[in-house]
Protein backbone atom coordinates (compact mmCIF):
# COMPACT_ATOMS: atom_id res chain seq x y z
CA MET A 1 13.67 -46.11 27.56
CA PHE A 2 12.73 -48.52 30.36
CA SER A 3 9.04 -48.06 31.08
CA ARG A 4 6.11 -50.38 31.55
CA LEU A 5 5.45 -51.11 27.90
CA ALA A 6 3.50 -54.31 27.65
CA PHE A 7 4.51 -54.91 24.06
CA LEU A 8 8.18 -55.17 24.99
CA LYS A 9 9.17 -58.67 25.99
CA ARG A 10 12.93 -58.70 25.85
CA ILE A 11 15.44 -55.93 25.18
CA LYS A 12 19.18 -56.04 24.77
CA ALA A 13 21.58 -54.83 27.39
CA PRO A 14 24.58 -52.69 26.45
CA ASN A 15 27.11 -55.49 27.00
CA GLY A 16 25.35 -58.13 24.93
CA GLY A 17 23.05 -59.70 27.54
CA THR A 18 19.27 -59.29 27.81
CA TYR A 19 16.78 -57.94 30.30
CA ASN A 20 13.46 -59.52 31.17
CA LEU A 21 10.47 -57.28 31.83
CA ARG A 22 8.25 -59.12 34.32
CA LYS A 23 4.78 -57.66 34.62
CA THR A 24 3.14 -57.68 38.05
CA ALA A 25 -0.12 -56.25 39.40
CA THR A 26 1.47 -53.07 40.59
CA THR A 27 4.85 -52.64 38.93
CA THR A 28 7.31 -53.93 36.41
CA THR A 29 10.72 -55.01 37.68
CA LEU A 30 13.88 -55.16 35.69
CA SER A 31 16.32 -58.04 36.20
CA ALA A 32 19.45 -58.70 34.28
CA VAL A 33 20.35 -62.12 33.03
CA LEU A 34 24.01 -61.35 32.90
CA PRO A 35 26.69 -63.15 34.80
CA GLU A 36 28.42 -59.99 35.95
CA GLN A 37 26.36 -56.76 35.94
CA PRO A 38 27.90 -53.57 37.34
CA ILE A 39 26.34 -52.36 40.59
CA GLY A 40 25.90 -48.80 39.31
CA PHE A 41 24.02 -49.90 36.25
CA ARG A 42 21.72 -52.18 38.31
CA PHE A 43 20.93 -49.27 40.63
CA PHE A 44 20.21 -47.02 37.62
CA ALA A 45 17.88 -49.60 36.09
CA SER A 46 15.98 -50.15 39.34
CA GLN A 47 15.42 -46.40 39.77
CA ILE A 48 13.98 -46.19 36.27
CA ALA A 49 11.62 -49.06 37.04
CA LYS A 50 10.42 -47.33 40.20
CA ARG A 51 9.88 -43.98 38.51
CA THR A 52 7.92 -45.47 35.61
CA SER A 53 5.65 -47.65 37.75
CA CYS A 54 2.92 -44.98 37.74
CA PHE A 55 2.29 -45.43 34.01
CA LYS A 56 -0.43 -47.86 32.99
CA PRO A 57 0.48 -50.52 30.46
CA TRP A 58 -0.84 -50.16 26.92
CA PRO A 59 -3.15 -52.90 25.64
CA LYS A 60 -1.38 -55.68 23.90
CA GLY A 61 -1.18 -55.29 20.15
CA ASP A 62 -2.43 -51.66 20.16
CA TYR A 63 0.89 -49.89 20.36
CA VAL A 64 1.39 -49.39 16.64
CA GLY A 65 -2.07 -47.99 16.07
CA SER A 66 -1.81 -45.81 19.17
CA PHE A 67 1.45 -44.28 17.98
CA ARG A 68 -0.02 -43.57 14.56
CA LYS A 69 -3.17 -42.09 16.02
CA MET A 70 -1.24 -39.91 18.43
CA SER A 71 1.09 -38.57 15.74
CA SER A 72 -1.80 -37.95 13.37
CA THR A 73 -3.79 -36.12 16.03
CA ALA A 74 -0.78 -34.05 17.03
CA GLY A 75 -0.11 -33.14 13.41
CA ILE A 76 -3.69 -31.99 12.87
CA GLY A 77 -3.63 -30.05 16.13
CA MET A 78 -0.40 -28.30 15.20
CA ALA A 79 -1.77 -27.46 11.76
CA LYS A 80 -4.92 -26.00 13.26
CA ASN A 81 -2.91 -24.07 15.80
CA GLU A 82 -0.59 -22.63 13.15
CA GLU A 83 -3.55 -21.67 10.95
CA GLY A 84 -5.28 -20.11 13.92
CA LEU A 85 -2.24 -18.00 14.70
CA LYS A 86 -2.15 -16.81 11.10
CA LEU A 87 -5.88 -16.02 10.99
CA VAL A 88 -6.26 -14.37 14.38
CA LEU A 89 -5.08 -10.75 14.21
CA VAL A 90 -6.68 -9.61 17.46
CA ASN A 91 -6.45 -11.09 20.95
CA GLY A 92 -9.18 -10.78 23.58
CA GLY A 93 -12.17 -12.43 21.96
CA SER A 94 -15.06 -11.17 19.85
CA ARG A 95 -15.53 -7.91 21.79
CA ALA A 96 -11.91 -6.87 21.21
CA ARG A 97 -12.15 -7.89 17.57
CA LYS A 98 -15.28 -5.77 17.17
CA MET A 99 -13.65 -2.73 18.78
CA VAL A 100 -10.51 -2.97 16.63
CA GLY A 101 -12.63 -3.56 13.52
CA ILE A 102 -14.76 -0.47 14.13
CA TRP A 103 -11.63 1.61 14.70
CA LEU A 104 -10.02 0.39 11.45
CA PHE A 105 -13.18 0.88 9.39
CA GLY A 106 -13.49 4.37 10.87
CA SER A 107 -9.87 5.13 9.93
CA ALA A 108 -10.47 3.90 6.38
CA ALA A 109 -13.58 6.10 6.12
CA TRP A 110 -11.51 9.06 7.36
CA VAL A 111 -8.95 8.46 4.62
CA PHE A 112 -11.81 8.26 2.11
CA SER A 113 -13.01 11.69 3.25
CA MET A 114 -9.41 12.98 3.00
CA VAL A 115 -9.29 11.93 -0.65
CA LEU A 116 -12.56 13.75 -1.33
CA LEU A 117 -11.41 16.89 0.47
CA GLY A 118 -8.16 16.78 -1.45
CA GLY A 119 -10.12 16.56 -4.70
CA VAL A 120 -12.21 19.58 -3.80
CA THR A 121 -9.05 21.48 -2.80
CA ARG A 122 -7.49 20.74 -6.17
CA LEU A 123 -10.61 21.50 -8.22
CA THR A 124 -11.10 24.87 -6.48
CA ARG A 125 -7.41 25.67 -7.06
CA SER A 126 -6.85 26.10 -3.35
CA GLY A 127 -3.79 23.87 -2.95
CA LEU A 128 -1.20 26.60 -3.54
CA SER A 129 -2.72 29.19 -1.21
CA MET A 130 -0.44 28.27 1.73
CA THR A 131 3.16 28.94 0.77
CA ASP A 132 4.85 27.33 3.80
CA TRP A 133 4.48 24.12 5.78
CA LYS A 134 5.17 22.80 9.29
CA PHE A 135 4.94 19.17 10.26
CA THR A 136 3.05 19.93 13.48
CA GLY A 137 0.84 22.55 11.86
CA SER A 138 0.04 26.04 13.11
CA LEU A 139 -2.91 28.23 14.02
CA PRO A 140 -4.70 29.99 11.16
CA PRO A 141 -4.60 33.77 10.85
CA LEU A 142 -6.73 35.25 13.65
CA SER A 143 -6.48 38.96 12.95
CA GLU A 144 -6.77 41.13 9.89
CA GLU A 145 -3.06 41.88 10.08
CA GLU A 146 -2.19 38.17 10.00
CA TRP A 147 -4.50 37.64 7.03
CA LEU A 148 -2.82 40.45 5.11
CA ARG A 149 0.58 38.94 5.90
CA GLU A 150 -0.48 35.56 4.48
CA PHE A 151 -2.02 37.27 1.47
CA ASP A 152 1.24 39.09 0.78
CA LYS A 153 3.07 35.75 0.78
CA TYR A 154 0.59 34.36 -1.74
CA LYS A 155 1.02 37.41 -3.98
CA GLN A 156 4.63 36.39 -4.51
CA SER A 157 3.57 33.00 -5.95
CA PRO A 158 3.36 32.31 -9.71
CA GLU A 159 -0.30 31.29 -9.37
CA TYR A 160 -1.33 34.74 -8.15
CA LYS A 161 0.76 36.55 -10.75
CA ARG A 162 -0.50 34.53 -13.73
CA ILE A 163 -4.01 33.38 -12.76
CA ASN A 164 -5.42 35.16 -9.69
CA LYS A 165 -3.98 38.65 -10.04
CA GLY A 166 -6.36 41.17 -8.50
CA MET A 167 -7.96 38.58 -6.21
CA SER A 168 -9.75 40.07 -3.19
CA ILE A 169 -8.83 39.22 0.39
CA GLU A 170 -12.18 37.45 0.80
CA ASP A 171 -11.54 35.16 -2.17
CA PHE A 172 -8.09 34.42 -0.77
CA LYS A 173 -9.60 33.47 2.60
CA PHE A 174 -11.80 30.88 0.89
CA ILE A 175 -8.95 29.05 -0.85
CA TYR A 176 -6.76 29.39 2.25
CA TRP A 177 -9.41 27.77 4.46
CA MET A 178 -9.81 24.93 1.97
CA GLU A 179 -6.10 24.09 2.03
CA TYR A 180 -5.89 24.61 5.79
CA ALA A 181 -8.84 22.25 6.39
CA HIS A 182 -7.22 19.60 4.17
CA ARG A 183 -3.95 19.76 6.09
CA MET A 184 -5.53 19.78 9.55
CA TRP A 185 -7.93 16.96 8.64
CA GLY A 186 -4.89 14.86 7.82
CA ARG A 187 -3.22 15.69 11.14
CA ALA A 188 -6.45 14.88 12.99
CA LEU A 189 -6.47 11.50 11.27
CA GLY A 190 -2.99 10.82 12.62
CA VAL A 191 -4.14 11.54 16.18
CA MET A 192 -7.33 9.53 15.74
CA PHE A 193 -5.29 6.58 14.54
CA ALA A 194 -2.42 6.78 17.04
CA LEU A 195 -4.42 7.09 20.28
CA PRO A 196 -6.61 3.97 19.85
CA PHE A 197 -3.59 2.10 18.48
CA SER A 198 -1.67 2.84 21.69
CA TYR A 199 -4.68 1.84 23.81
CA PHE A 200 -5.19 -1.47 22.02
CA LEU A 201 -1.49 -2.24 22.24
CA ARG A 202 -1.54 -1.62 25.98
CA LYS A 203 -4.58 -3.86 26.39
CA GLY A 204 -2.79 -6.62 24.47
CA TYR A 205 -5.38 -6.80 21.70
CA ILE A 206 -2.95 -6.25 18.84
CA THR A 207 -0.94 -9.27 17.70
CA LEU A 208 2.59 -8.93 16.36
CA GLY A 209 1.53 -9.39 12.74
CA LEU A 210 -1.23 -6.80 12.99
CA GLY A 211 1.02 -4.42 14.89
CA LEU A 212 3.68 -4.49 12.18
CA ARG A 213 1.10 -3.99 9.45
CA LEU A 214 -0.53 -1.03 11.19
CA SER A 215 2.83 0.53 12.03
CA ALA A 216 3.75 0.46 8.34
CA LEU A 217 0.42 2.11 7.43
CA PHE A 218 0.92 4.75 10.13
CA ALA A 219 4.41 5.53 8.82
CA LEU A 220 3.03 5.82 5.28
CA GLY A 221 0.33 8.16 6.58
CA ALA A 222 2.89 10.32 8.35
CA GLY A 223 4.86 10.46 5.11
CA GLN A 224 1.77 11.73 3.30
CA GLY A 225 2.30 15.16 4.83
CA LEU A 226 5.82 15.29 3.44
CA ILE A 227 4.67 14.05 0.03
CA GLY A 228 1.89 16.65 0.02
CA TRP A 229 4.29 19.51 0.73
CA TRP A 230 6.75 18.12 -1.84
CA MET A 231 3.88 18.26 -4.34
CA VAL A 232 2.76 21.80 -3.37
CA LYS A 233 6.33 23.07 -3.51
CA SER A 234 6.55 22.14 -7.18
CA GLY A 235 3.58 24.43 -7.89
CA LEU A 236 5.24 27.38 -6.18
CA GLU A 237 8.11 27.37 -8.68
CA GLU A 238 8.11 29.49 -11.82
CA PRO A 239 6.90 27.51 -14.88
CA ALA A 240 9.42 26.84 -17.63
CA SER A 241 7.39 28.82 -20.19
CA GLU A 242 5.91 32.26 -19.68
CA TYR A 243 2.68 31.05 -21.27
CA ALA A 244 2.31 27.97 -19.05
CA GLN A 245 0.01 28.01 -16.06
CA PRO A 246 1.63 27.20 -12.73
CA ARG A 247 0.57 23.79 -11.41
CA VAL A 248 2.01 21.01 -9.33
CA SER A 249 4.10 18.26 -10.87
CA PRO A 250 1.86 15.48 -12.25
CA TYR A 251 4.37 12.92 -10.95
CA ARG A 252 4.16 14.31 -7.41
CA LEU A 253 0.38 14.62 -7.53
CA ALA A 254 0.13 10.99 -8.71
CA ALA A 255 2.48 9.91 -5.91
CA HIS A 256 0.37 11.79 -3.34
CA LEU A 257 -2.95 10.37 -4.57
CA THR A 258 -1.61 6.84 -5.10
CA SER A 259 -0.17 6.84 -1.59
CA ALA A 260 -3.56 7.88 -0.19
CA PHE A 261 -5.25 5.08 -2.15
CA ALA A 262 -2.68 2.59 -0.85
CA ILE A 263 -3.29 3.63 2.77
CA TYR A 264 -7.04 3.32 2.28
CA CYS A 265 -6.75 -0.12 0.67
CA GLY A 266 -4.42 -1.33 3.42
CA LEU A 267 -6.74 -0.14 6.19
CA PHE A 268 -9.86 -1.52 4.53
CA TRP A 269 -8.31 -4.94 3.81
CA THR A 270 -6.95 -5.18 7.36
CA ALA A 271 -10.33 -4.21 8.85
CA LEU A 272 -12.01 -6.94 6.78
CA SER A 273 -9.41 -9.47 7.95
CA VAL A 274 -10.07 -8.55 11.59
CA VAL A 275 -13.86 -8.89 11.47
CA MET A 276 -13.93 -11.71 8.91
CA PRO A 277 -10.95 -14.04 9.51
CA GLU A 278 -12.53 -16.69 7.28
CA PRO A 279 -14.31 -16.10 3.96
CA PRO A 280 -17.99 -17.04 3.67
CA ALA A 281 -17.89 -20.73 2.75
CA GLU A 282 -20.62 -23.26 3.43
CA SER A 283 -19.61 -26.04 1.04
CA VAL A 284 -16.64 -27.33 -0.91
CA ALA A 285 -18.52 -26.57 -4.14
CA TRP A 286 -18.78 -22.89 -3.18
CA VAL A 287 -15.08 -22.79 -2.31
CA ARG A 288 -14.22 -24.18 -5.75
CA GLY A 289 -16.48 -21.60 -7.38
CA ALA A 290 -14.86 -18.82 -5.36
CA ALA A 291 -11.42 -19.98 -6.52
CA LYS A 292 -12.55 -19.58 -10.14
CA VAL A 293 -13.88 -16.11 -9.39
CA LYS A 294 -10.58 -15.15 -7.73
CA ARG A 295 -8.59 -16.01 -10.86
CA LEU A 296 -10.53 -13.29 -12.67
CA ALA A 297 -11.11 -10.85 -9.80
CA LEU A 298 -7.42 -10.31 -9.01
CA PRO A 299 -6.32 -9.05 -12.48
CA VAL A 300 -9.51 -6.99 -12.76
CA GLY A 301 -8.72 -5.39 -9.40
CA ILE A 302 -5.22 -4.51 -10.63
CA LEU A 303 -6.73 -2.95 -13.76
CA VAL A 304 -9.10 -0.84 -11.63
CA ALA A 305 -6.12 0.40 -9.59
CA LEU A 306 -4.13 1.27 -12.74
CA THR A 307 -7.09 3.23 -14.11
CA ALA A 308 -7.28 5.20 -10.85
CA VAL A 309 -3.56 6.01 -11.05
CA SER A 310 -3.96 7.16 -14.66
CA GLY A 311 -6.71 9.47 -13.42
CA ALA A 312 -4.17 11.07 -11.12
CA PHE A 313 -2.05 11.99 -14.17
CA VAL A 314 -5.17 13.37 -15.87
CA ALA A 315 -5.65 15.64 -12.84
CA GLY A 316 -1.97 16.56 -12.66
CA ASN A 317 -1.91 17.66 -16.31
CA ASP A 318 -5.36 19.32 -16.24
CA ALA A 319 -6.15 16.95 -19.10
CA GLY A 320 -9.85 16.99 -18.24
CA HIS A 321 -10.11 20.51 -19.65
CA ALA A 322 -8.97 19.35 -23.09
CA TYR A 323 -10.94 17.36 -25.67
CA ASN A 324 -14.31 17.81 -23.95
CA THR A 325 -16.04 15.52 -26.42
CA PHE A 326 -16.94 11.84 -26.39
CA PRO A 327 -16.37 9.27 -27.80
CA LYS A 328 -14.04 11.13 -30.18
CA MET A 329 -11.27 13.42 -28.98
CA GLY A 330 -12.22 16.54 -30.87
CA ASP A 331 -12.71 15.55 -34.50
CA THR A 332 -10.49 12.47 -34.38
CA TRP A 333 -10.30 9.22 -32.46
CA ILE A 334 -6.59 9.64 -31.74
CA PRO A 335 -4.98 13.12 -31.66
CA GLU A 336 -1.96 13.65 -33.88
CA ASP A 337 0.31 14.88 -31.08
CA VAL A 338 0.09 11.83 -28.81
CA LEU A 339 3.75 10.94 -29.40
CA ASP A 340 5.28 14.39 -29.89
CA MET A 341 7.42 14.48 -26.72
CA LYS A 342 10.92 13.07 -26.54
CA PRO A 343 11.85 10.71 -25.06
CA LEU A 344 8.76 8.73 -25.97
CA ILE A 345 7.95 7.65 -22.40
CA ARG A 346 7.23 11.26 -21.35
CA ASN A 347 4.08 11.31 -23.47
CA PHE A 348 2.34 8.83 -21.16
CA PHE A 349 2.83 11.09 -18.13
CA GLU A 350 3.14 14.67 -19.40
CA ASN A 351 1.39 14.90 -22.77
CA THR A 352 -2.19 16.08 -22.22
CA SER A 353 -3.52 14.24 -25.28
CA THR A 354 -1.81 10.95 -24.47
CA VAL A 355 -2.71 11.04 -20.79
CA GLN A 356 -6.41 11.53 -21.54
CA LEU A 357 -6.35 8.89 -24.28
CA ASP A 358 -4.74 6.41 -21.88
CA HIS A 359 -7.40 7.10 -19.25
CA ARG A 360 -10.19 6.60 -21.77
CA ILE A 361 -8.73 3.29 -22.93
CA LEU A 362 -8.14 2.02 -19.38
CA ALA A 363 -11.63 3.07 -18.24
CA THR A 364 -13.22 1.27 -21.18
CA ALA A 365 -11.09 -1.81 -20.57
CA THR A 366 -12.09 -1.74 -16.88
CA LEU A 367 -15.80 -1.65 -17.72
CA ILE A 368 -15.44 -4.48 -20.24
CA SER A 369 -13.36 -6.62 -17.89
CA ILE A 370 -15.82 -6.23 -15.01
CA GLY A 371 -18.67 -7.08 -17.37
CA THR A 372 -16.71 -10.14 -18.51
CA LEU A 373 -16.17 -11.13 -14.88
CA TRP A 374 -19.92 -11.05 -14.30
CA TRP A 375 -20.69 -12.96 -17.52
CA SER A 376 -18.08 -15.65 -16.83
CA THR A 377 -19.25 -16.30 -13.28
CA ARG A 378 -23.02 -15.97 -13.60
CA LYS A 379 -23.55 -19.76 -13.83
CA LEU A 380 -20.97 -20.79 -11.25
CA ASP A 381 -22.02 -22.46 -8.01
CA ILE A 382 -20.85 -19.73 -5.62
CA HIS A 383 -21.98 -18.11 -2.39
CA PRO A 384 -24.99 -15.76 -2.89
CA ALA A 385 -23.01 -12.94 -1.26
CA VAL A 386 -20.31 -13.28 -3.93
CA LYS A 387 -22.90 -13.17 -6.72
CA SER A 388 -24.49 -10.07 -5.23
CA LEU A 389 -21.10 -8.41 -4.86
CA ILE A 390 -20.17 -9.06 -8.49
CA GLY A 391 -23.48 -7.58 -9.64
CA SER A 392 -22.95 -4.49 -7.47
CA THR A 393 -19.44 -4.07 -8.89
CA VAL A 394 -20.80 -4.09 -12.44
CA GLY A 395 -23.32 -1.39 -11.50
CA MET A 396 -20.63 0.71 -9.82
CA ALA A 397 -18.34 0.42 -12.86
CA ALA A 398 -21.12 1.60 -15.18
CA LEU A 399 -21.88 4.53 -12.85
CA GLN A 400 -18.20 5.49 -12.68
CA VAL A 401 -17.84 5.54 -16.47
CA THR A 402 -21.00 7.65 -16.70
CA LEU A 403 -19.60 10.08 -14.12
CA GLY A 404 -16.33 10.30 -16.05
CA ILE A 405 -18.02 11.10 -19.34
CA SER A 406 -20.33 13.64 -17.70
CA THR A 407 -17.39 15.32 -15.98
CA LEU A 408 -15.51 15.60 -19.27
CA LEU A 409 -18.48 16.96 -21.26
CA SER A 410 -19.26 19.49 -18.48
CA TYR A 411 -15.68 20.86 -18.41
CA VAL A 412 -14.91 19.39 -14.98
CA PRO A 413 -17.21 21.15 -12.50
CA VAL A 414 -16.24 20.75 -8.85
CA SER A 415 -19.29 18.64 -8.01
CA LEU A 416 -18.89 16.10 -10.81
CA GLY A 417 -15.11 16.03 -10.51
CA THR A 418 -15.36 15.21 -6.82
CA ALA A 419 -18.04 12.59 -7.46
CA HIS A 420 -15.85 10.97 -10.12
CA GLN A 421 -12.91 10.77 -7.72
CA ALA A 422 -15.18 9.30 -5.04
CA GLY A 423 -16.48 6.80 -7.59
CA ALA A 424 -12.95 5.63 -8.36
CA LEU A 425 -12.28 4.88 -4.70
CA THR A 426 -15.72 3.26 -4.30
CA LEU A 427 -15.11 0.95 -7.26
CA LEU A 428 -11.74 0.04 -5.80
CA THR A 429 -13.51 -0.69 -2.51
CA PHE A 430 -15.83 -3.14 -4.26
CA MET A 431 -12.88 -4.93 -5.85
CA ILE A 432 -11.06 -5.19 -2.51
CA LEU A 433 -14.17 -6.59 -0.88
CA LEU A 434 -14.65 -9.09 -3.70
CA ASN A 435 -11.05 -10.31 -3.59
CA HIS A 436 -11.20 -10.59 0.18
CA THR A 437 -14.46 -12.55 0.06
CA VAL A 438 -13.23 -15.15 -2.48
CA ARG A 439 -9.89 -15.85 -0.82
CA ARG A 440 -9.10 -19.46 0.12
CA PRO A 441 -10.38 -20.62 3.54
CA SER A 442 -8.11 -22.29 6.07
CA MET A 443 -7.51 -26.01 5.82
CA SER A 444 -9.33 -26.69 9.11
CA LEU A 445 -12.46 -24.97 7.82
CA LEU A 446 -12.17 -26.66 4.45
CA LYS A 447 -12.11 -30.12 6.05
CA SER A 448 -15.27 -29.40 8.00
CA LEU A 449 -17.35 -28.32 4.98
CA PRO A 450 -19.88 -30.55 3.21
CA GLN A 451 -19.50 -31.14 -0.49
CA VAL A 452 -22.71 -29.28 -1.35
CA ALA A 453 -24.39 -26.45 0.54
CA LYS A 454 -27.62 -27.27 2.31
CA THR A 455 -30.72 -25.84 0.69
CA THR A 456 -33.44 -24.30 2.84
């Protein structure tokens, strides 16, 4: 490198001689103090001197500090840039971020309504009224002849023969419309999601990371239709025993409901990340407090999710219609037949007594753990929004347990059963919001925070 560097006095030539750098007012010339210097090399050196004459010399003695400062600044800039790329999920500024956020929150709310409609469909025993399925859907019966044709198909199902024998055509229309609405509401969600997604992609608002995440959620949503039909199909098969009531497989129902919960959680978390790239943090002390909350909030959130999944097995086994007493299960705390099935693992998924006992234990553990979370963090120096959110989560957990007990004691009416299912998803929403709020801020934000929040 032969440039006008004032700190360089003498440098070695390739063949053992030295070059002098003579500083002038306008340029630095390079002369060799060698007895015999090749013409080509002298020409090359002179061209370098000419091309570098536009650079100003650095102040004497400042070159080491300047290099350090430059490398440090570049390192910080690269770190900020990398963190920015990770945090920013939407291009196009605040307006684009707001539009994408509204769309994602709307999609999450639509999935929430799908879960509620699915619960009503199950509780009204409408899920097995449609005995065939098409991915694209079809028009409902529009004439009396078409209704009779659909009714004849339903009459061949085990549910009609064993439970609804003698049902009128009007009663059949009710359960048919319930199942039809559930299916078409899901297809409408797919259209509502896909069209804005395509628009935002075309506008360049969606980054690669967000695009991959949303594509995975869309694929999971498309698969929900297949999982739903796979579940319904199990209920159209003849039960193993002539005394058993036809119902869908608890494993398939749990897969269908858990998948819906996963889609909702993914959409809600992503929407929060779009509109709130950084967590609320106004001081280092609040960030440290949030980190302590997170260590408790994450396992509690997992416990809430496990309790919701166990509720799916309660629904799949109709376990809510057994042991309609509380706190005891009948006359005992633990029924005698909780481990009757072989192999042993089947009891936790197929045994009505064990499934309900598991749900009771998990629900109680959830309430205690959320209460413990509140008690352990009540004196921490944390953001007021985090404190408020923890208090709201405790209230929601208490309400959900109350709904569960009321549903059990009332023999699972449609209204309370639906409210209990909505409460499970609402409690999970609170835990997602809490975990998202107490996540660690980026390093650039952390460096800019004061040690203690300013008091007003």
